[in-house]
Amino acid sequence: MLRTTILAAGLALAATAAFGQSEPLGDTVAVNGMEMYYEVSGEGDPLIVLHGVSTAG
């Protein structure tokens, strides 16, 4: 009984999180001769994530 209740609660929580978010909107923009891809999702202040940036050297 307890195992079934926990499983049902987990499935309900997973379904709620999956359907509660909208698909991100993605597009490309030309920047210095390159095509840069970006996505817009969620609400609130913008957050920019740069991959591959290194401080070593």
Protein backbone atom coordinates (compact mmCIF):
# COMPACT_ATOMS: atom_id res chain seq x y z
CA MET A 1 0.00 0.00 0.00
CA LEU A 2 2.74 2.47 0.96
CA ARG A 3 4.81 1.53 -2.09
CA THR A 4 1.79 2.14 -4.37
CA THR A 5 1.11 5.51 -2.76
CA ILE A 6 4.73 6.64 -3.16
CA LEU A 7 4.80 5.47 -6.78
CA ALA A 8 1.54 7.27 -7.58
CA ALA A 9 2.77 10.48 -5.94
CA GLY A 10 6.05 10.30 -7.88
CA LEU A 11 4.27 9.80 -11.19
CA ALA A 12 1.89 12.67 -10.47
CA LEU A 13 4.78 14.97 -9.58
CA ALA A 14 6.74 14.01 -12.71
CA ALA A 15 3.73 14.61 -14.96
CA THR A 16 3.04 17.99 -13.35
CA ALA A 17 6.61 19.18 -13.86
CA ALA A 18 6.71 17.98 -17.46
CA PHE A 19 3.46 19.68 -18.46
CA GLY A 20 4.01 22.81 -16.38
CA GLN A 21 6.85 24.08 -18.58
CA SER A 22 6.41 25.43 -22.07
CA GLU A 23 8.73 24.59 -24.96
CA PRO A 24 11.64 27.03 -25.21
CA LEU A 25 11.61 29.33 -28.22
CA GLY A 26 14.84 28.98 -30.20
CA ASP A 27 16.19 30.96 -33.13
CA THR A 28 19.46 32.04 -34.73
CA VAL A 29 20.98 35.47 -35.21
CA ALA A 30 24.00 36.58 -37.25
CA VAL A 31 26.86 37.85 -35.04
CA ASN A 32 30.23 38.84 -36.56
CA GLY A 33 29.73 36.51 -39.53
CA MET A 34 28.59 33.54 -37.41
CA GLU A 35 25.14 32.12 -36.83
CA MET A 36 24.50 32.05 -33.07
CA TYR A 37 21.65 29.93 -31.65
CA TYR A 38 19.67 31.11 -28.64
CA GLU A 39 16.64 30.00 -26.64
CA VAL A 40 14.12 31.99 -24.64
CA SER A 41 12.23 30.17 -21.87
CA GLY A 42 10.72 30.86 -18.48
CA GLU A 43 10.06 34.16 -16.81
CA GLY A 44 12.09 36.70 -14.87
CA ASP A 45 15.42 38.43 -15.34
CA PRO A 46 17.58 37.26 -18.27
CA LEU A 47 20.34 34.73 -17.64
CA ILE A 48 23.16 34.31 -20.15
CA VAL A 49 25.15 31.07 -20.05
CA LEU A 50 28.44 30.98 -21.97
CA HIS A 51 29.90 27.55 -22.65
CA GLY A 52 33.60 27.00 -23.25
CA VAL A 53 34.83 30.12 -21.47
CA SER A 54 38.11 29.51 -19.66
CA THR A 55 40.01 31.68 -17.16
CA ALA A 56 43.20 29.61 -17.38
CA GLY A 57 46.12 30.94 -19.32
